[in-house]
Amino acid sequence: MLDQDPKNSFVRYALAMDHVTGGDLEGAVAEFRILLANDANYCAGYFHGGQSLEKLGRIDEAASLYRDGIDATRRTGDAHTRSELEAALSMIA
């Protein structure tokens, strides 16, 4: 599906989550970064990307991604994801 539409946000997100489920956190981070480069308003990508970075011990990168995600939720009005991102950030900041 990505061959047909490499910028398909849902498919890219699903692939990233598949990497998470399979334990390939580096692969997940790479996919989340591609997703967010193509769709800066896909708010769940910031949360799960940050979670993956945390698991890899890359706390500063996770915090930065959470902050970027909070900005995205302000643009989109996604209060639920904003609360998740703020909670995640407060646990590591």
PDB file of N, CA and C in Angstrom:
ATOM      1  N   MET A   1       0.818  -1.196   0.000  1.00  0.00           N
ATOM      2  CA  MET A   1       0.000   0.000   0.000  1.00  0.00           C
ATOM      3  C   MET A   1       0.866   1.267   0.000  1.00  0.00           C
ATOM      4  N   LEU A   2       1.993   1.216   0.699  1.00  0.00           N
ATOM      5  CA  LEU A   2       2.868   2.385   0.704  1.00  0.00           C
ATOM      6  C   LEU A   2       3.524   2.605  -0.648  1.00  0.00           C
ATOM      7  N   ASP A   3       3.710   1.529  -1.405  1.00  0.00           N
ATOM      8  CA  ASP A   3       4.254   1.697  -2.755  1.00  0.00           C
ATOM      9  C   ASP A   3       3.320   2.552  -3.603  1.00  0.00           C
ATOM     10  N   GLN A   4       2.017   2.374  -3.408  1.00  0.00           N
ATOM     11  CA  GLN A   4       1.033   3.134  -4.174  1.00  0.00           C
ATOM     12  C   GLN A   4       0.884   4.563  -3.662  1.00  0.00           C
ATOM     13  N   ASP A   5       1.036   4.749  -2.341  1.00  0.00           N
ATOM     14  CA  ASP A   5       0.865   6.075  -1.748  1.00  0.00           C
ATOM     15  C   ASP A   5       1.780   6.203  -0.526  1.00  0.00           C
ATOM     16  N   PRO A   6       3.047   6.558  -0.734  1.00  0.00           N
ATOM     17  CA  PRO A   6       4.003   6.620   0.375  1.00  0.00           C
ATOM     18  C   PRO A   6       3.661   7.651   1.448  1.00  0.00           C
ATOM     19  N   LYS A   7       2.763   8.565   1.146  1.00  0.00           N
ATOM     20  CA  LYS A   7       2.379   9.587   2.123  1.00  0.00           C
ATOM     21  C   LYS A   7       1.053   9.285   2.809  1.00  0.00           C
ATOM     22  N   ASN A   8       0.558   8.072   2.659  1.00  0.00           N
ATOM     23  CA  ASN A   8      -0.691   7.683   3.306  1.00  0.00           C
ATOM     24  C   ASN A   8      -0.454   7.595   4.812  1.00  0.00           C
ATOM     25  N   SER A   9      -0.988   8.555   5.538  1.00  0.00           N
ATOM     26  CA  SER A   9      -0.725   8.665   6.974  1.00  0.00           C
ATOM     27  C   SER A   9      -1.189   7.450   7.757  1.00  0.00           C
ATOM     28  N   PHE A  10      -2.383   6.963   7.472  1.00  0.00           N
ATOM     29  CA  PHE A  10      -2.892   5.816   8.229  1.00  0.00           C
ATOM     30  C   PHE A  10      -2.024   4.585   8.017  1.00  0.00           C
ATOM     31  N   VAL A  11      -1.648   4.318   6.793  1.00  0.00           N
ATOM     32  CA  VAL A  11      -0.834   3.133   6.501  1.00  0.00           C
ATOM     33  C   VAL A  11       0.550   3.284   7.134  1.00  0.00           C
ATOM     34  N   ARG A  12       1.131   4.472   7.047  1.00  0.00           N
ATOM     35  CA  ARG A  12       2.443   4.719   7.653  1.00  0.00           C
ATOM     36  C   ARG A  12       2.370   4.528   9.170  1.00  0.00           C
ATOM     37  N   TYR A  13       1.309   5.036   9.794  1.00  0.00           N
ATOM     38  CA  TYR A  13       1.120   4.875  11.237  1.00  0.00           C
ATOM     39  C   TYR A  13       0.979   3.389  11.592  1.00  0.00           C
ATOM     40  N   ALA A  14       0.185   2.675  10.811  1.00  0.00           N
ATOM     41  CA  ALA A  14      -0.006   1.247  11.063  1.00  0.00           C
ATOM     42  C   ALA A  14       1.320   0.493  10.947  1.00  0.00           C
ATOM     43  N   LEU A  15       2.132   0.848   9.980  1.00  0.00           N
ATOM     44  CA  LEU A  15       3.436   0.211   9.821  1.00  0.00           C
ATOM     45  C   LEU A  15       4.324   0.518  11.027  1.00  0.00           C
ATOM     46  N   ALA A  16       4.326   1.768  11.467  1.00  0.00           N
ATOM     47  CA  ALA A  16       5.118   2.135  12.649  1.00  0.00           C
ATOM     48  C   ALA A  16       4.666   1.343  13.867  1.00  0.00           C
ATOM     49  N   MET A  17       3.366   1.222  14.062  1.00  0.00           N
ATOM     50  CA  MET A  17       2.847   0.469  15.202  1.00  0.00           C
ATOM     51  C   MET A  17       3.172  -1.009  15.084  1.00  0.00           C
ATOM     52  N   ASP A  18       3.213  -1.526  13.867  1.00  0.00           N
ATOM     53  CA  ASP A  18       3.611  -2.919  13.658  1.00  0.00           C
ATOM     54  C   ASP A  18       5.063  -3.118  14.104  1.00  0.00           C
ATOM     55  N   HIS A  19       5.906  -2.144  13.817  1.00  0.00           N
ATOM     56  CA  HIS A  19       7.296  -2.211  14.289  1.00  0.00           C
ATOM     57  C   HIS A  19       7.342  -2.214  15.820  1.00  0.00           C
ATOM     58  N   VAL A  20       6.520  -1.385  16.444  1.00  0.00           N
ATOM     59  CA  VAL A  20       6.470  -1.346  17.915  1.00  0.00           C
ATOM     60  C   VAL A  20       6.071  -2.719  18.446  1.00  0.00           C
ATOM     61  N   THR A  21       4.998  -3.260  17.902  1.00  0.00           N
ATOM     62  CA  THR A  21       4.504  -4.557  18.351  1.00  0.00           C
ATOM     63  C   THR A  21       5.548  -5.651  18.167  1.00  0.00           C
ATOM     64  N   GLY A  22       6.299  -5.564  17.080  1.00  0.00           N
ATOM     65  CA  GLY A  22       7.330  -6.560  16.800  1.00  0.00           C
ATOM     66  C   GLY A  22       8.640  -6.314  17.539  1.00  0.00           C
ATOM     67  N   GLY A  23       8.707  -5.234  18.324  1.00  0.00           N
ATOM     68  CA  GLY A  23       9.905  -4.956  19.094  1.00  0.00           C
ATOM     69  C   GLY A  23      10.993  -4.208  18.349  1.00  0.00           C
ATOM     70  N   ASP A  24      10.712  -3.777  17.144  1.00  0.00           N
ATOM     71  CA  ASP A  24      11.690  -3.025  16.348  1.00  0.00           C
ATOM     72  C   ASP A  24      11.465  -1.533  16.581  1.00  0.00           C
ATOM     73  N   LEU A  25      11.965  -1.047  17.705  1.00  0.00           N
ATOM     74  CA  LEU A  25      11.717   0.342  18.072  1.00  0.00           C
ATOM     75  C   LEU A  25      12.453   1.324  17.180  1.00  0.00           C
ATOM     76  N   GLU A  26      13.636   0.973  16.724  1.00  0.00           N
ATOM     77  CA  GLU A  26      14.356   1.851  15.787  1.00  0.00           C
ATOM     78  C   GLU A  26      13.565   1.993  14.493  1.00  0.00           C
ATOM     79  N   GLY A  27      13.039   0.889  14.000  1.00  0.00           N
ATOM     80  CA  GLY A  27      12.205   0.930  12.799  1.00  0.00           C
ATOM     81  C   GLY A  27      10.950   1.744  13.027  1.00  0.00           C
ATOM     82  N   ALA A  28      10.374   1.612  14.216  1.00  0.00           N
ATOM     83  CA  ALA A  28       9.171   2.380  14.546  1.00  0.00           C
ATOM     84  C   ALA A  28       9.473   3.870  14.536  1.00  0.00           C
ATOM     85  N   VAL A  29      10.564   4.262  15.182  1.00  0.00           N
ATOM     86  CA  VAL A  29      10.929   5.680  15.230  1.00  0.00           C
ATOM     87  C   VAL A  29      11.124   6.222  13.821  1.00  0.00           C
ATOM     88  N   ALA A  30      11.793   5.456  12.986  1.00  0.00           N
ATOM     89  CA  ALA A  30      12.015   5.892  11.603  1.00  0.00           C
ATOM     90  C   ALA A  30      10.686   6.109  10.889  1.00  0.00           C
ATOM     91  N   GLU A  31       9.750   5.207  11.058  1.00  0.00           N
ATOM     92  CA  GLU A  31       8.438   5.338  10.407  1.00  0.00           C
ATOM     93  C   GLU A  31       7.639   6.501  10.987  1.00  0.00           C
ATOM     94  N   PHE A  32       7.692   6.680  12.311  1.00  0.00           N
ATOM     95  CA  PHE A  32       6.991   7.823  12.906  1.00  0.00           C
ATOM     96  C   PHE A  32       7.559   9.130  12.378  1.00  0.00           C
ATOM     97  N   ARG A  33       8.871   9.196  12.206  1.00  0.00           N
ATOM     98  CA  ARG A  33       9.487  10.430  11.692  1.00  0.00           C
ATOM     99  C   ARG A  33       9.035  10.707  10.251  1.00  0.00           C
ATOM    100  N   ILE A  34       8.955   9.666   9.430  1.00  0.00           N
ATOM    101  CA  ILE A  34       8.472   9.838   8.055  1.00  0.00           C
ATOM    102  C   ILE A  34       7.012  10.290   8.077  1.00  0.00           C
ATOM    103  N   LEU A  35       6.208   9.623   8.903  1.00  0.00           N
ATOM    104  CA  LEU A  35       4.797   9.989   9.044  1.00  0.00           C
ATOM    105  C   LEU A  35       4.654  11.464   9.379  1.00  0.00           C
ATOM    106  N   LEU A  36       5.382  11.921  10.387  1.00  0.00           N
ATOM    107  CA  LEU A  36       5.224  13.299  10.852  1.00  0.00           C
ATOM    108  C   LEU A  36       5.822  14.308   9.896  1.00  0.00           C
ATOM    109  N   ALA A  37       6.824  13.899   9.140  1.00  0.00           N
ATOM    110  CA  ALA A  37       7.370  14.795   8.109  1.00  0.00           C
ATOM    111  C   ALA A  37       6.340  15.021   7.006  1.00  0.00           C
ATOM    112  N   ASN A  38       5.542  14.001   6.725  1.00  0.00           N
ATOM    113  CA  ASN A  38       4.519  14.096   5.683  1.00  0.00           C
ATOM    114  C   ASN A  38       3.194  14.660   6.194  1.00  0.00           C
ATOM    115  N   ASP A  39       2.925  14.481   7.477  1.00  0.00           N
ATOM    116  CA  ASP A  39       1.647  14.903   8.050  1.00  0.00           C
ATOM    117  C   ASP A  39       1.886  15.377   9.482  1.00  0.00           C
ATOM    118  N   ALA A  40       2.249  16.635   9.621  1.00  0.00           N
ATOM    119  CA  ALA A  40       2.604  17.194  10.928  1.00  0.00           C
ATOM    120  C   ALA A  40       1.420  17.273  11.888  1.00  0.00           C
ATOM    121  N   ASN A  41       0.224  16.987  11.414  1.00  0.00           N
ATOM    122  CA  ASN A  41      -0.962  17.027  12.263  1.00  0.00           C
ATOM    123  C   ASN A  41      -1.460  15.643  12.678  1.00  0.00           C
ATOM    124  N   TYR A  42      -0.695  14.588  12.419  1.00  0.00           N
ATOM    125  CA  TYR A  42      -1.092  13.237  12.828  1.00  0.00           C
ATOM    126  C   TYR A  42      -0.647  13.051  14.274  1.00  0.00           C
ATOM    127  N   CYS A  43      -1.454  13.548  15.180  1.00  0.00           N
ATOM    128  CA  CYS A  43      -1.065  13.719  16.581  1.00  0.00           C
ATOM    129  C   CYS A  43      -0.663  12.433  17.299  1.00  0.00           C
ATOM    130  N   ALA A  44      -1.309  11.335  17.012  1.00  0.00           N
ATOM    131  CA  ALA A  44      -0.963  10.080  17.687  1.00  0.00           C
ATOM    132  C   ALA A  44       0.470   9.653  17.380  1.00  0.00           C
ATOM    133  N   GLY A  45       0.984  10.061  16.235  1.00  0.00           N
ATOM    134  CA  GLY A  45       2.356   9.724  15.875  1.00  0.00           C
ATOM    135  C   GLY A  45       3.370  10.316  16.829  1.00  0.00           C
ATOM    136  N   TYR A  46       3.072  11.493  17.375  1.00  0.00           N
ATOM    137  CA  TYR A  46       3.976  12.124  18.333  1.00  0.00           C
ATOM    138  C   TYR A  46       4.005  11.331  19.639  1.00  0.00           C
ATOM    139  N   PHE A  47       2.836  10.913  20.088  1.00  0.00           N
ATOM    140  CA  PHE A  47       2.772  10.171  21.346  1.00  0.00           C
ATOM    141  C   PHE A  47       3.500   8.838  21.235  1.00  0.00           C
ATOM    142  N   HIS A  48       3.138   8.059  20.233  1.00  0.00           N
ATOM    143  CA  HIS A  48       3.735   6.725  20.113  1.00  0.00           C
ATOM    144  C   HIS A  48       5.201   6.789  19.675  1.00  0.00           C
ATOM    145  N   GLY A  49       5.538   7.794  18.895  1.00  0.00           N
ATOM    146  CA  GLY A  49       6.944   7.997  18.558  1.00  0.00           C
ATOM    147  C   GLY A  49       7.754   8.334  19.794  1.00  0.00           C
ATOM    148  N   GLY A  50       7.200   9.202  20.634  1.00  0.00           N
ATOM    149  CA  GLY A  50       7.869   9.544  21.886  1.00  0.00           C
ATOM    150  C   GLY A  50       8.001   8.350  22.813  1.00  0.00           C
ATOM    151  N   GLN A  51       6.966   7.539  22.879  1.00  0.00           N
ATOM    152  CA  GLN A  51       7.031   6.337  23.701  1.00  0.00           C
ATOM    153  C   GLN A  51       8.145   5.399  23.224  1.00  0.00           C
ATOM    154  N   SER A  52       8.260   5.260  21.920  1.00  0.00           N
ATOM    155  CA  SER A  52       9.316   4.412  21.351  1.00  0.00           C
ATOM    156  C   SER A  52      10.690   4.968  21.697  1.00  0.00           C
ATOM    157  N   LEU A  53      10.845   6.276  21.571  1.00  0.00           N
ATOM    158  CA  LEU A  53      12.121   6.904  21.923  1.00  0.00           C
ATOM    159  C   LEU A  53      12.441   6.716  23.399  1.00  0.00           C
ATOM    160  N   GLU A  54      11.444   6.840  24.252  1.00  0.00           N
ATOM    161  CA  GLU A  54      11.664   6.607  25.686  1.00  0.00           C
ATOM    162  C   GLU A  54      12.181   5.195  25.935  1.00  0.00           C
ATOM    163  N   LYS A  55      11.557   4.221  25.308  1.00  0.00           N
ATOM    164  CA  LYS A  55      11.977   2.825  25.490  1.00  0.00           C
ATOM    165  C   LYS A  55      13.403   2.593  25.015  1.00  0.00           C
ATOM    166  N   LEU A  56      13.838   3.415  24.061  1.00  0.00           N
ATOM    167  CA  LEU A  56      15.213   3.317  23.570  1.00  0.00           C
ATOM    168  C   LEU A  56      16.183   4.120  24.437  1.00  0.00           C
ATOM    169  N   GLY A  57      15.656   4.795  25.455  1.00  0.00           N
ATOM    170  CA  GLY A  57      16.493   5.589  26.337  1.00  0.00           C
ATOM    171  C   GLY A  57      16.855   6.952  25.782  1.00  0.00           C
ATOM    172  N   ARG A  58      16.182   7.369  24.744  1.00  0.00           N
ATOM    173  CA  ARG A  58      16.451   8.646  24.085  1.00  0.00           C
ATOM    174  C   ARG A  58      15.459   9.690  24.607  1.00  0.00           C
ATOM    175  N   ILE A  59      15.632  10.029  25.876  1.00  0.00           N
ATOM    176  CA  ILE A  59      14.671  10.834  26.609  1.00  0.00           C
ATOM    177  C   ILE A  59      14.560  12.259  26.064  1.00  0.00           C
ATOM    178  N   ASP A  60      15.698  12.887  25.756  1.00  0.00           N
ATOM    179  CA  ASP A  60      15.647  14.258  25.226  1.00  0.00           C
ATOM    180  C   ASP A  60      14.886  14.314  23.905  1.00  0.00           C
ATOM    181  N   GLU A  61      15.103  13.317  23.042  1.00  0.00           N
ATOM    182  CA  GLU A  61      14.382  13.268  21.767  1.00  0.00           C
ATOM    183  C   GLU A  61      12.892  13.039  21.991  1.00  0.00           C
ATOM    184  N   ALA A  62      12.574  12.183  22.968  1.00  0.00           N
ATOM    185  CA  ALA A  62      11.170  11.924  23.285  1.00  0.00           C
ATOM    186  C   ALA A  62      10.497  13.210  23.760  1.00  0.00           C
ATOM    187  N   ALA A  63      11.159  13.939  24.654  1.00  0.00           N
ATOM    188  CA  ALA A  63      10.588  15.187  25.171  1.00  0.00           C
ATOM    189  C   ALA A  63      10.357  16.183  24.047  1.00  0.00           C
ATOM    190  N   SER A  64      11.300  16.277  23.136  1.00  0.00           N
ATOM    191  CA  SER A  64      11.153  17.187  22.001  1.00  0.00           C
ATOM    192  C   SER A  64       9.962  16.788  21.127  1.00  0.00           C
ATOM    193  N   LEU A  65       9.812  15.483  20.894  1.00  0.00           N
ATOM    194  CA  LEU A  65       8.692  15.009  20.077  1.00  0.00           C
ATOM    195  C   LEU A  65       7.365  15.271  20.787  1.00  0.00           C
ATOM    196  N   TYR A  66       7.326  15.054  22.097  1.00  0.00           N
ATOM    197  CA  TYR A  66       6.105  15.355  22.854  1.00  0.00           C
ATOM    198  C   TYR A  66       5.753  16.840  22.734  1.00  0.00           C
ATOM    199  N   ARG A  67       6.750  17.716  22.857  1.00  0.00           N
ATOM    200  CA  ARG A  67       6.488  19.155  22.740  1.00  0.00           C
ATOM    201  C   ARG A  67       5.942  19.507  21.348  1.00  0.00           C
ATOM    202  N   ASP A  68       6.557  18.919  20.324  1.00  0.00           N
ATOM    203  CA  ASP A  68       6.061  19.149  18.961  1.00  0.00           C
ATOM    204  C   ASP A  68       4.625  18.646  18.821  1.00  0.00           C
ATOM    205  N   GLY A  69       4.340  17.526  19.454  1.00  0.00           N
ATOM    206  CA  GLY A  69       2.990  16.972  19.414  1.00  0.00           C
ATOM    207  C   GLY A  69       1.978  17.854  20.114  1.00  0.00           C
ATOM    208  N   ILE A  70       2.376  18.444  21.230  1.00  0.00           N
ATOM    209  CA  ILE A  70       1.486  19.365  21.936  1.00  0.00           C
ATOM    210  C   ILE A  70       1.152  20.545  21.032  1.00  0.00           C
ATOM    211  N   ASP A  71       2.153  21.045  20.316  1.00  0.00           N
ATOM    212  CA  ASP A  71       1.896  22.117  19.342  1.00  0.00           C
ATOM    213  C   ASP A  71       0.907  21.662  18.278  1.00  0.00           C
ATOM    214  N   ALA A  72       1.071  20.435  17.795  1.00  0.00           N
ATOM    215  CA  ALA A  72       0.170  19.900  16.767  1.00  0.00           C
ATOM    216  C   ALA A  72      -1.259  19.781  17.295  1.00  0.00           C
ATOM    217  N   THR A  73      -1.397  19.358  18.551  1.00  0.00           N
ATOM    218  CA  THR A  73      -2.753  19.219  19.102  1.00  0.00           C
ATOM    219  C   THR A  73      -3.423  20.569  19.279  1.00  0.00           C
ATOM    220  N   ARG A  74      -2.640  21.593  19.497  1.00  0.00           N
ATOM    221  CA  ARG A  74      -3.225  22.940  19.571  1.00  0.00           C
ATOM    222  C   ARG A  74      -3.752  23.360  18.203  1.00  0.00           C
ATOM    223  N   ARG A  75      -2.999  22.997  17.158  1.00  0.00           N
ATOM    224  CA  ARG A  75      -3.445  23.322  15.783  1.00  0.00           C
ATOM    225  C   ARG A  75      -4.717  22.575  15.418  1.00  0.00           C
ATOM    226  N   THR A  76      -4.789  21.314  15.849  1.00  0.00           N
ATOM    227  CA  THR A  76      -5.894  20.458  15.409  1.00  0.00           C
ATOM    228  C   THR A  76      -7.064  20.420  16.388  1.00  0.00           C
ATOM    229  N   GLY A  77      -6.855  20.888  17.611  1.00  0.00           N
ATOM    230  CA  GLY A  77      -7.919  20.826  18.608  1.00  0.00           C
ATOM    231  C   GLY A  77      -8.090  19.457  19.237  1.00  0.00           C
ATOM    232  N   ASP A  78      -7.079  18.622  19.166  1.00  0.00           N
ATOM    233  CA  ASP A  78      -7.138  17.256  19.704  1.00  0.00           C
ATOM    234  C   ASP A  78      -6.788  17.268  21.192  1.00  0.00           C
ATOM    235  N   ALA A  79      -7.776  17.558  22.021  1.00  0.00           N
ATOM    236  CA  ALA A  79      -7.552  17.694  23.461  1.00  0.00           C
ATOM    237  C   ALA A  79      -7.159  16.380  24.120  1.00  0.00           C
ATOM    238  N   HIS A  80      -7.707  15.273  23.654  1.00  0.00           N
ATOM    239  CA  HIS A  80      -7.393  13.968  24.260  1.00  0.00           C
ATOM    240  C   HIS A  80      -5.911  13.639  24.092  1.00  0.00           C
ATOM    241  N   THR A  81      -5.425  13.747  22.872  1.00  0.00           N
ATOM    242  CA  THR A  81      -4.012  13.428  22.634  1.00  0.00           C
ATOM    243  C   THR A  81      -3.120  14.450  23.332  1.00  0.00           C
ATOM    244  N   ARG A  82      -3.549  15.699  23.388  1.00  0.00           N
ATOM    245  CA  ARG A  82      -2.759  16.708  24.098  1.00  0.00           C
ATOM    246  C   ARG A  82      -2.575  16.305  25.556  1.00  0.00           C
ATOM    247  N   SER A  83      -3.644  15.833  26.192  1.00  0.00           N
ATOM    248  CA  SER A  83      -3.522  15.437  27.603  1.00  0.00           C
ATOM    249  C   SER A  83      -2.566  14.256  27.757  1.00  0.00           C
ATOM    250  N   GLU A  84      -2.590  13.326  26.814  1.00  0.00           N
ATOM    251  CA  GLU A  84      -1.653  12.193  26.861  1.00  0.00           C
ATOM    252  C   GLU A  84      -0.213  12.670  26.685  1.00  0.00           C
ATOM    253  N   LEU A  85      -0.004  13.570  25.745  1.00  0.00           N
ATOM    254  CA  LEU A  85       1.339  14.097  25.499  1.00  0.00           C
ATOM    255  C   LEU A  85       1.848  14.891  26.696  1.00  0.00           C
ATOM    256  N   GLU A  86       1.002  15.718  27.273  1.00  0.00           N
ATOM    257  CA  GLU A  86       1.410  16.504  28.435  1.00  0.00           C
ATOM    258  C   GLU A  86       1.749  15.601  29.613  1.00  0.00           C
ATOM    259  N   ALA A  87       0.962  14.551  29.817  1.00  0.00           N
ATOM    260  CA  ALA A  87       1.242  13.607  30.902  1.00  0.00           C
ATOM    261  C   ALA A  87       2.573  12.887  30.672  1.00  0.00           C
ATOM    262  N   ALA A  88       2.802  12.458  29.444  1.00  0.00           N
ATOM    263  CA  ALA A  88       4.051  11.768  29.115  1.00  0.00           C
ATOM    264  C   ALA A  88       5.241  12.697  29.322  1.00  0.00           C
ATOM    265  N   LEU A  89       5.108  13.933  28.878  1.00  0.00           N
ATOM    266  CA  LEU A  89       6.193  14.899  29.035  1.00  0.00           C
ATOM    267  C   LEU A  89       6.466  15.172  30.514  1.00  0.00           C
ATOM    268  N   SER A  90       5.417  15.304  31.305  1.00  0.00           N
ATOM    269  CA  SER A  90       5.606  15.611  32.723  1.00  0.00           C
ATOM    270  C   SER A  90       6.311  14.469  33.458  1.00  0.00           C
ATOM    271  N   MET A  91       6.204  13.274  32.960  1.00  0.00           N
ATOM    272  CA  MET A  91       6.864  12.134  33.597  1.00  0.00           C
ATOM    273  C   MET A  91       8.359  12.082  33.328  1.00  0.00           C
ATOM    274  N   ILE A  92       8.806  12.761  32.255  1.00  0.00           N
ATOM    275  CA  ILE A  92      10.232  12.702  31.926  1.00  0.00           C
ATOM    276  C   ILE A  92      10.933  14.048  32.054  1.00  0.00           C
ATOM    277  N   ALA A  93      10.162  15.120  32.209  1.00  0.00           N
ATOM    278  CA  ALA A  93      10.775  16.464  32.265  1.00  0.00           C
ATOM    279  C   ALA A  93      11.148  16.850  33.676  1.00  0.00           C
TER     280      ALA A  93
END
